[in-house]
C-alpha atoms as a PDB file:
ATOM      1  CA  UNK A   1     300.141 213.407  54.320  1.00  0.00           C
ATOM      2  CA  UNK A   2     300.177 211.945  57.819  1.00  0.00           C
ATOM      3  CA  UNK A   3     296.531 210.948  57.490  1.00  0.00           C
ATOM      4  CA  UNK A   4     297.320 209.228  54.166  1.00  0.00           C
ATOM      5  CA  UNK A   5     300.287 207.424  55.730  1.00  0.00           C
ATOM      6  CA  UNK A   6     298.062 206.146  58.503  1.00  0.00           C
ATOM      7  CA  UNK A   7     295.526 204.808  56.014  1.00  0.00           C
ATOM      8  CA  UNK A   8     298.203 203.305  53.762  1.00  0.00           C
ATOM      9  CA  UNK A   9     299.662 201.470  56.732  1.00  0.00           C
ATOM     10  CA  UNK A  10     296.159 200.459  57.779  1.00  0.00           C
ATOM     11  CA  UNK A  11     296.805 201.977  61.202  1.00  0.00           C
ATOM     12  CA  UNK A  12     293.909 204.057  62.559  1.00  0.00           C
ATOM     13  CA  UNK A  13     295.001 207.501  63.694  1.00  0.00           C
ATOM     14  CA  UNK A  14     293.625 206.681  67.137  1.00  0.00           C
ATOM     15  CA  UNK A  15     296.196 203.858  67.441  1.00  0.00           C
ATOM     16  CA  UNK A  16     299.215 206.059  66.710  1.00  0.00           C
ATOM     17  CA  UNK A  17     301.065 206.739  69.958  1.00  0.00           C
ATOM     18  CA  UNK A  18     303.980 208.788  68.630  1.00  0.00           C
ATOM     19  CA  UNK A  19     304.375 210.958  65.523  1.00  0.00           C
ATOM     20  CA  UNK A  20     307.580 212.710  64.453  1.00  0.00           C
ATOM     21  CA  UNK A  21     307.306 215.281  61.651  1.00  0.00           C
ATOM     22  CA  UNK A  22     310.460 216.498  59.908  1.00  0.00           C
ATOM     23  CA  UNK A  23     309.669 219.374  57.600  1.00  0.00           C
ATOM     24  CA  UNK A  24     311.143 222.245  55.631  1.00  0.00           C
ATOM     25  CA  UNK A  25     310.268 225.695  56.940  1.00  0.00           C
ATOM     26  CA  UNK A  26     310.431 224.781  60.638  1.00  0.00           C
ATOM     27  CA  UNK A  27     312.804 227.497  61.781  1.00  0.00           C
ATOM     28  CA  UNK A  28     311.517 228.307  65.269  1.00  0.00           C
ATOM     29  CA  UNK A  29     309.895 226.583  68.237  1.00  0.00           C
ATOM     30  CA  UNK A  30     306.711 228.502  67.400  1.00  0.00           C
ATOM     31  CA  UNK A  31     306.629 226.872  63.947  1.00  0.00           C
ATOM     32  CA  UNK A  32     307.160 223.447  65.472  1.00  0.00           C
ATOM     33  CA  UNK A  33     304.495 223.973  68.118  1.00  0.00           C
ATOM     34  CA  UNK A  34     302.005 225.147  65.498  1.00  0.00           C
ATOM     35  CA  UNK A  35     302.368 221.915  63.527  1.00  0.00           C
ATOM     36  CA  UNK A  36     302.370 219.661  66.561  1.00  0.00           C
ATOM     37  CA  UNK A  37     299.333 221.394  68.082  1.00  0.00           C
ATOM     38  CA  UNK A  38     297.446 221.136  64.797  1.00  0.00           C
ATOM     39  CA  UNK A  39     298.138 217.400  64.617  1.00  0.00           C
ATOM     40  CA  UNK A  40     297.021 216.798  68.166  1.00  0.00           C
ATOM     41  CA  UNK A  41     293.893 218.896  67.685  1.00  0.00           C
ATOM     42  CA  UNK A  42     292.775 217.606  64.283  1.00  0.00           C
ATOM     43  CA  UNK A  43     294.187 214.137  63.741  1.00  0.00           C
ATOM     44  CA  UNK A  44     296.263 212.530  66.457  1.00  0.00           C
ATOM     45  CA  UNK A  45     294.365 213.308  69.617  1.00  0.00           C
ATOM     46  CA  UNK A  46     296.132 211.903  72.659  1.00  0.00           C
ATOM     47  CA  UNK A  47     299.343 211.010  70.812  1.00  0.00           C
ATOM     48  CA  UNK A  48     302.804 212.374  71.449  1.00  0.00           C
ATOM     49  CA  UNK A  49     303.863 214.583  68.533  1.00  0.00           C
ATOM     50  CA  UNK A  50     307.063 216.454  67.758  1.00  0.00           C
ATOM     51  CA  UNK A  51     308.067 218.589  64.776  1.00  0.00           C
ATOM     52  CA  UNK A  52     311.687 219.232  63.809  1.00  0.00           C
ATOM     53  CA  UNK A  53     313.452 220.855  60.814  1.00  0.00           C
ATOM     54  CA  UNK A  54     314.125 218.722  57.746  1.00  0.00           C
ATOM     55  CA  UNK A  55     317.838 218.983  58.499  1.00  0.00           C
ATOM     56  CA  UNK A  56     317.303 216.638  61.444  1.00  0.00           C
ATOM     57  CA  UNK A  57     315.348 214.196  59.306  1.00  0.00           C
ATOM     58  CA  UNK A  58     318.091 214.118  56.687  1.00  0.00           C
ATOM     59  CA  UNK A  59     320.707 213.640  59.385  1.00  0.00           C
ATOM     60  CA  UNK A  60     318.767 210.847  61.081  1.00  0.00           C
ATOM     61  CA  UNK A  61     318.507 208.664  57.977  1.00  0.00           C
ATOM     62  CA  UNK A  62     322.068 209.236  56.691  1.00  0.00           C
ATOM     63  CA  UNK A  63     323.634 206.799  59.161  1.00  0.00           C
ATOM     64  CA  UNK A  64     320.686 205.583  61.250  1.00  0.00           C
ATOM     65  CA  UNK A  65     321.300 208.124  64.045  1.00  0.00           C
ATOM     66  CA  UNK A  66     325.047 207.522  64.014  1.00  0.00           C
ATOM     67  CA  UNK A  67     327.466 210.462  63.524  1.00  0.00           C
ATOM     68  CA  UNK A  68     326.787 212.173  60.217  1.00  0.00           C
ATOM     69  CA  UNK A  69     327.178 215.377  58.244  1.00  0.00           C
ATOM     70  CA  UNK A  70     324.488 216.291  55.739  1.00  0.00           C
ATOM     71  CA  UNK A  71     324.679 218.807  52.918  1.00  0.00           C
ATOM     72  CA  UNK A  72     321.324 220.041  51.633  1.00  0.00           C
ATOM     73  CA  UNK A  73     320.975 221.991  48.410  1.00  0.00           C
ATOM     74  CA  UNK A  74     317.566 222.826  47.026  1.00  0.00           C
ATOM     75  CA  UNK A  75     316.105 226.314  46.719  1.00  0.00           C
ATOM     76  CA  UNK A  76     318.357 227.168  49.661  1.00  0.00           C
ATOM     77  CA  UNK A  77     321.194 225.291  51.277  1.00  0.00           C
ATOM     78  CA  UNK A  78     322.641 224.306  54.620  1.00  0.00           C
ATOM     79  CA  UNK A  79     325.083 221.859  56.167  1.00  0.00           C
ATOM     80  CA  UNK A  80     324.207 220.077  59.403  1.00  0.00           C
ATOM     81  CA  UNK A  81     326.332 217.863  61.642  1.00  0.00           C
ATOM     82  CA  UNK A  82     325.328 215.705  64.544  1.00  0.00           C
ATOM     83  CA  UNK A  83     326.770 213.153  66.946  1.00  0.00           C
ATOM     84  CA  UNK A  84     324.457 212.141  69.786  1.00  0.00           C
ATOM     85  CA  UNK A  85     327.150 210.587  71.959  1.00  0.00           C
ATOM     86  CA  UNK A  86     329.436 213.636  71.667  1.00  0.00           C
ATOM     87  CA  UNK A  87     326.617 216.134  72.082  1.00  0.00           C
ATOM     88  CA  UNK A  88     327.304 217.732  68.676  1.00  0.00           C
ATOM     89  CA  UNK A  89     324.476 219.488  66.873  1.00  0.00           C
ATOM     90  CA  UNK A  90     325.465 222.321  64.559  1.00  0.00           C
ATOM     91  CA  UNK A  91     324.411 223.944  61.288  1.00  0.00           C
ATOM     92  CA  UNK A  92     326.549 225.868  58.815  1.00  0.00           C
ATOM     93  CA  UNK A  93     325.442 228.584  56.385  1.00  0.00           C
ATOM     94  CA  UNK A  94     321.774 228.408  57.357  1.00  0.00           C
ATOM     95  CA  UNK A  95     321.331 232.181  56.995  1.00  0.00           C
ATOM     96  CA  UNK A  96     318.801 232.420  54.132  1.00  0.00           C
ATOM     97  CA  UNK A  97     319.395 233.896  50.702  1.00  0.00           C
ATOM     98  CA  UNK A  98     320.837 237.328  51.530  1.00  0.00           C
ATOM     99  CA  UNK A  99     323.566 236.073  53.849  1.00  0.00           C
ATOM    100  CA  UNK A 100     323.902 232.359  53.118  1.00  0.00           C
ATOM    101  CA  UNK A 101     322.512 229.627  50.849  1.00  0.00           C
ATOM    102  CA  UNK A 102     325.864 229.157  49.111  1.00  0.00           C
ATOM    103  CA  UNK A 103     325.808 226.314  46.608  1.00  0.00           C
ATOM    104  CA  UNK A 104     322.009 226.369  46.424  1.00  0.00           C
ATOM    105  CA  UNK A 105     319.593 226.664  43.537  1.00  0.00           C
ATOM    106  CA  UNK A 106     319.150 230.313  44.454  1.00  0.00           C
ATOM    107  CA  UNK A 107     322.913 230.900  44.430  1.00  0.00           C
ATOM    108  CA  UNK A 108     323.245 229.221  41.028  1.00  0.00           C
ATOM    109  CA  UNK A 109     320.382 231.318  39.636  1.00  0.00           C
ATOM    110  CA  UNK A 110     321.845 234.525  41.038  1.00  0.00           C
ATOM    111  CA  UNK A 111     325.297 233.702  39.625  1.00  0.00           C
ATOM    112  CA  UNK A 112     323.716 233.060  36.207  1.00  0.00           C
ATOM    113  CA  UNK A 113     321.983 236.449  36.288  1.00  0.00           C
ATOM    114  CA  UNK A 114     325.249 238.136  37.215  1.00  0.00           C
ATOM    115  CA  UNK A 115     326.986 236.380  34.329  1.00  0.00           C
ATOM    116  CA  UNK A 116     324.223 237.492  31.953  1.00  0.00           C
ATOM    117  CA  UNK A 117     324.652 241.112  33.032  1.00  0.00           C
ATOM    118  CA  UNK A 118     328.407 240.869  32.546  1.00  0.00           C
ATOM    119  CA  UNK A 119     327.730 239.503  29.062  1.00  0.00           C
ATOM    120  CA  UNK A 120     325.526 242.536  28.333  1.00  0.00           C
ATOM    121  CA  UNK A 121     328.496 244.760  29.166  1.00  0.00           C
ATOM    122  CA  UNK A 122     330.970 242.785  27.086  1.00  0.00           C
ATOM    123  CA  UNK A 123     332.715 241.331  30.159  1.00  0.00           C
ATOM    124  CA  UNK A 124     331.671 237.732  29.557  1.00  0.00           C
ATOM    125  CA  UNK A 125     331.329 235.316  26.648  1.00  0.00           C
ATOM    126  CA  UNK A 126     328.465 233.371  28.246  1.00  0.00           C
ATOM    127  CA  UNK A 127     325.918 234.001  25.495  1.00  0.00           C
ATOM    128  CA  UNK A 128     323.929 230.824  26.189  1.00  0.00           C
ATOM    129  CA  UNK A 129     323.542 231.696  29.878  1.00  0.00           C
ATOM    130  CA  UNK A 130     322.377 235.183  28.901  1.00  0.00           C
ATOM    131  CA  UNK A 131     319.738 233.718  26.567  1.00  0.00           C
ATOM    132  CA  UNK A 132     318.513 231.327  29.262  1.00  0.00           C
ATOM    133  CA  UNK A 133     318.085 234.228  31.678  1.00  0.00           C
ATOM    134  CA  UNK A 134     316.101 236.222  29.128  1.00  0.00           C
ATOM    135  CA  UNK A 135     313.851 233.261  28.356  1.00  0.00           C
ATOM    136  CA  UNK A 136     313.343 232.451  32.018  1.00  0.00           C
ATOM    137  CA  UNK A 137     311.995 235.899  32.850  1.00  0.00           C
ATOM    138  CA  UNK A 138     310.356 236.571  29.484  1.00  0.00           C
ATOM    139  CA  UNK A 139     312.641 239.496  28.664  1.00  0.00           C
ATOM    140  CA  UNK A 140     314.196 240.850  25.492  1.00  0.00           C
ATOM    141  CA  UNK A 141     316.721 243.207  27.134  1.00  0.00           C
ATOM    142  CA  UNK A 142     319.384 242.003  29.562  1.00  0.00           C
ATOM    143  CA  UNK A 143     319.511 245.431  31.192  1.00  0.00           C
ATOM    144  CA  UNK A 144     315.957 244.852  32.417  1.00  0.00           C
ATOM    145  CA  UNK A 145     317.119 242.025  34.689  1.00  0.00           C
ATOM    146  CA  UNK A 146     317.839 244.164  37.803  1.00  0.00           C
ATOM    147  CA  UNK A 147     314.336 245.647  37.848  1.00  0.00           C
ATOM    148  CA  UNK A 148     312.666 242.287  37.291  1.00  0.00           C
ATOM    149  CA  UNK A 149     314.721 240.693  40.060  1.00  0.00           C
ATOM    150  CA  UNK A 150     314.308 243.454  42.653  1.00  0.00           C
ATOM    151  CA  UNK A 151     310.791 244.762  42.042  1.00  0.00           C
ATOM    152  CA  UNK A 152     308.251 244.652  43.560  1.00  0.00           C
ATOM    153  CA  UNK A 153     309.994 242.147  45.864  1.00  0.00           C
ATOM    154  CA  UNK A 154     312.850 239.683  45.502  1.00  0.00           C
ATOM    155  CA  UNK A 155     311.334 236.375  44.420  1.00  0.00           C
ATOM    156  CA  UNK A 156     313.937 233.858  45.553  1.00  0.00           C
ATOM    157  CA  UNK A 157     311.909 230.913  44.241  1.00  0.00           C
ATOM    158  CA  UNK A 158     311.876 232.374  40.708  1.00  0.00           C
ATOM    159  CA  UNK A 159     315.619 232.979  40.880  1.00  0.00           C
ATOM    160  CA  UNK A 160     316.240 229.463  42.204  1.00  0.00           C
ATOM    161  CA  UNK A 161     314.135 227.999  39.376  1.00  0.00           C
ATOM    162  CA  UNK A 162     316.713 229.395  36.959  1.00  0.00           C
ATOM    163  CA  UNK A 163     319.173 226.848  38.338  1.00  0.00           C
ATOM    164  CA  UNK A 164     317.502 223.940  36.549  1.00  0.00           C
ATOM    165  CA  UNK A 165     318.324 225.019  32.958  1.00  0.00           C
ATOM    166  CA  UNK A 166     321.792 226.122  34.055  1.00  0.00           C
ATOM    167  CA  UNK A 167     322.451 222.729  35.641  1.00  0.00           C
ATOM    168  CA  UNK A 168     321.183 221.051  32.468  1.00  0.00           C
ATOM    169  CA  UNK A 169     323.590 223.162  30.418  1.00  0.00           C
ATOM    170  CA  UNK A 170     326.453 222.109  32.682  1.00  0.00           C
ATOM    171  CA  UNK A 171     325.535 218.452  32.218  1.00  0.00           C
ATOM    172  CA  UNK A 172     325.367 219.075  28.475  1.00  0.00           C
ATOM    173  CA  UNK A 173     328.948 220.333  28.352  1.00  0.00           C
ATOM    174  CA  UNK A 174     328.486 224.109  28.288  1.00  0.00           C
ATOM    175  CA  UNK A 175     331.772 225.470  29.640  1.00  0.00           C
ATOM    176  CA  UNK A 176     330.414 228.667  31.193  1.00  0.00           C
ATOM    177  CA  UNK A 177     327.615 226.795  32.942  1.00  0.00           C
ATOM    178  CA  UNK A 178     330.006 224.143  34.212  1.00  0.00           C
ATOM    179  CA  UNK A 179     332.347 226.769  35.665  1.00  0.00           C
ATOM    180  CA  UNK A 180     329.420 228.430  37.401  1.00  0.00           C
ATOM    181  CA  UNK A 181     328.047 225.171  38.812  1.00  0.00           C
ATOM    182  CA  UNK A 182     331.484 223.978  39.909  1.00  0.00           C
ATOM    183  CA  UNK A 183     332.077 227.196  41.855  1.00  0.00           C
ATOM    184  CA  UNK A 184     328.834 226.768  43.782  1.00  0.00           C
ATOM    185  CA  UNK A 185     329.454 223.075  44.492  1.00  0.00           C
ATOM    186  CA  UNK A 186     332.860 223.969  45.904  1.00  0.00           C
ATOM    187  CA  UNK A 187     331.342 226.615  48.177  1.00  0.00           C
ATOM    188  CA  UNK A 188     328.940 224.109  49.729  1.00  0.00           C
ATOM    189  CA  UNK A 189     331.764 221.586  49.949  1.00  0.00           C
ATOM    190  CA  UNK A 190     333.743 224.158  51.920  1.00  0.00           C
ATOM    191  CA  UNK A 191     331.000 224.343  54.553  1.00  0.00           C
ATOM    192  CA  UNK A 192     330.849 220.552  54.634  1.00  0.00           C
ATOM    193  CA  UNK A 193     334.603 220.323  55.135  1.00  0.00           C
ATOM    194  CA  UNK A 194     334.317 222.692  58.109  1.00  0.00           C
ATOM    195  CA  UNK A 195     331.746 220.341  59.640  1.00  0.00           C
ATOM    196  CA  UNK A 196     333.957 217.331  58.958  1.00  0.00           C
ATOM    197  CA  UNK A 197     336.946 218.999  60.578  1.00  0.00           C
ATOM    198  CA  UNK A 198     334.989 219.570  63.782  1.00  0.00           C
ATOM    199  CA  UNK A 199     333.758 215.972  63.764  1.00  0.00           C
ATOM    200  CA  UNK A 200     336.947 214.217  62.711  1.00  0.00           C
ATOM    201  CA  UNK A 201     337.001 212.111  65.897  1.00  0.00           C
ATOM    202  CA  UNK A 202     333.493 210.823  65.160  1.00  0.00           C
ATOM    203  CA  UNK A 203     334.339 209.710  61.589  1.00  0.00           C
ATOM    204  CA  UNK A 204     330.873 210.692  60.312  1.00  0.00           C
ATOM    205  CA  UNK A 205     329.109 209.529  57.193  1.00  0.00           C
ATOM    206  CA  UNK A 206     328.244 212.229  54.637  1.00  0.00           C
ATOM    207  CA  UNK A 207     324.791 212.490  53.077  1.00  0.00           C
ATOM    208  CA  UNK A 208     323.634 214.731  50.223  1.00  0.00           C
ATOM    209  CA  UNK A 209     320.038 215.882  49.896  1.00  0.00           C
ATOM    210  CA  UNK A 210     318.017 218.235  47.722  1.00  0.00           C
ATOM    211  CA  UNK A 211     317.207 218.680  44.068  1.00  0.00           C
ATOM    212  CA  UNK A 212     320.511 220.314  43.088  1.00  0.00           C
ATOM    213  CA  UNK A 213     322.371 217.117  43.981  1.00  0.00           C
ATOM    214  CA  UNK A 214     320.417 215.350  41.223  1.00  0.00           C
ATOM    215  CA  UNK A 215     322.753 217.105  38.774  1.00  0.00           C
ATOM    216  CA  UNK A 216     325.731 214.972  37.739  1.00  0.00           C
ATOM    217  CA  UNK A 217     328.244 217.810  37.406  1.00  0.00           C
ATOM    218  CA  UNK A 218     327.298 219.355  40.737  1.00  0.00           C
ATOM    219  CA  UNK A 219     327.488 216.059  42.626  1.00  0.00           C
ATOM    220  CA  UNK A 220     330.806 215.087  41.039  1.00  0.00           C
ATOM    221  CA  UNK A 221     332.414 218.452  41.773  1.00  0.00           C
ATOM    222  CA  UNK A 222     331.109 218.357  45.343  1.00  0.00           C
ATOM    223  CA  UNK A 223     332.512 214.847  45.839  1.00  0.00           C
ATOM    224  CA  UNK A 224     335.818 215.819  44.276  1.00  0.00           C
ATOM    225  CA  UNK A 225     336.203 218.816  46.586  1.00  0.00           C
ATOM    226  CA  UNK A 226     335.575 216.626  49.639  1.00  0.00           C
ATOM    227  CA  UNK A 227     337.406 213.459  48.623  1.00  0.00           C
ATOM    228  CA  UNK A 228     340.994 214.411  49.465  1.00  0.00           C
ATOM    229  CA  UNK A 229     340.149 216.075  52.780  1.00  0.00           C
ATOM    230  CA  UNK A 230     337.818 213.276  53.816  1.00  0.00           C
ATOM    231  CA  UNK A 231     340.536 210.746  53.063  1.00  0.00           C
ATOM    232  CA  UNK A 232     342.925 212.617  55.339  1.00  0.00           C
ATOM    233  CA  UNK A 233     340.371 212.425  58.138  1.00  0.00           C
ATOM    234  CA  UNK A 234     339.724 208.734  57.526  1.00  0.00           C
ATOM    235  CA  UNK A 235     336.041 209.481  56.947  1.00  0.00           C
ATOM    236  CA  UNK A 236     333.857 207.086  54.896  1.00  0.00           C
ATOM    237  CA  UNK A 237     332.916 209.572  52.177  1.00  0.00           C
ATOM    238  CA  UNK A 238     329.708 208.182  50.698  1.00  0.00           C
ATOM    239  CA  UNK A 239     327.438 211.066  49.689  1.00  0.00           C
ATOM    240  CA  UNK A 240     324.232 209.675  48.259  1.00  0.00           C
ATOM    241  CA  UNK A 241     321.577 211.883  46.637  1.00  0.00           C
ATOM    242  CA  UNK A 242     318.090 211.239  47.931  1.00  0.00           C
ATOM    243  CA  UNK A 243     315.469 212.233  45.324  1.00  0.00           C
ATOM    244  CA  UNK A 244     312.646 214.378  46.571  1.00  0.00           C
ATOM    245  CA  UNK A 245     314.233 215.685  49.751  1.00  0.00           C
ATOM    246  CA  UNK A 246     315.469 219.221  50.008  1.00  0.00           C
ATOM    247  CA  UNK A 247     315.233 222.351  52.086  1.00  0.00           C
ATOM    248  CA  UNK A 248     312.509 224.871  51.321  1.00  0.00           C
ATOM    249  CA  UNK A 249     310.488 223.061  48.732  1.00  0.00           C
ATOM    250  CA  UNK A 250     310.411 219.332  49.197  1.00  0.00           C
ATOM    251  CA  UNK A 251     310.121 217.295  52.374  1.00  0.00           C
END
């Protein structure tokens, strides 16, 4: 991608002095060093290179390096806040799918599977969600869901992919799907509100990133949950979805 960017801009790689890469999946310094070393070895010899998580990239473009809080919801989710002048740099809920990822595609998929299992036991009326889950995994029996989900390993990408039809159902007016999506949007909004509370003196902008924010219901419910609190803080609440950017999947 970097090589293509250089050619598109008609700038020879040899003339690039500095390269900043912001990418999903950069969770440790070792990951960052691996990417930077590869660039310096194979493409950008002699240049200064740095690799940072995509959370930093999303933050940087939300308010042009000014104070900002970003909410990212794709396969996984996280909230990140930053204010250079105040020395603030903090993430919320960035604990992966077992412990975090609230409001993410994975969380929506998992909630749909739970609803389908409740339907199989007569504890839910969400027939459409149950059918979507069966179709998604190619099953005919809802009771087979636990084995498919857990064995041989938990496939979080497959579970997160279930979010797309559920989000579409919510947009289409399905009540059960809308309730499910609203609950997840409110969870991520809760993390965002925590970030806003800690940054109230900075009056940060709010940016929204990731594929889940492309959904109308999700974005509206997220905005609604933040609107009153943001108004109290005097924060310019302008979440804007950015197509094609999201944690663990798109960069």
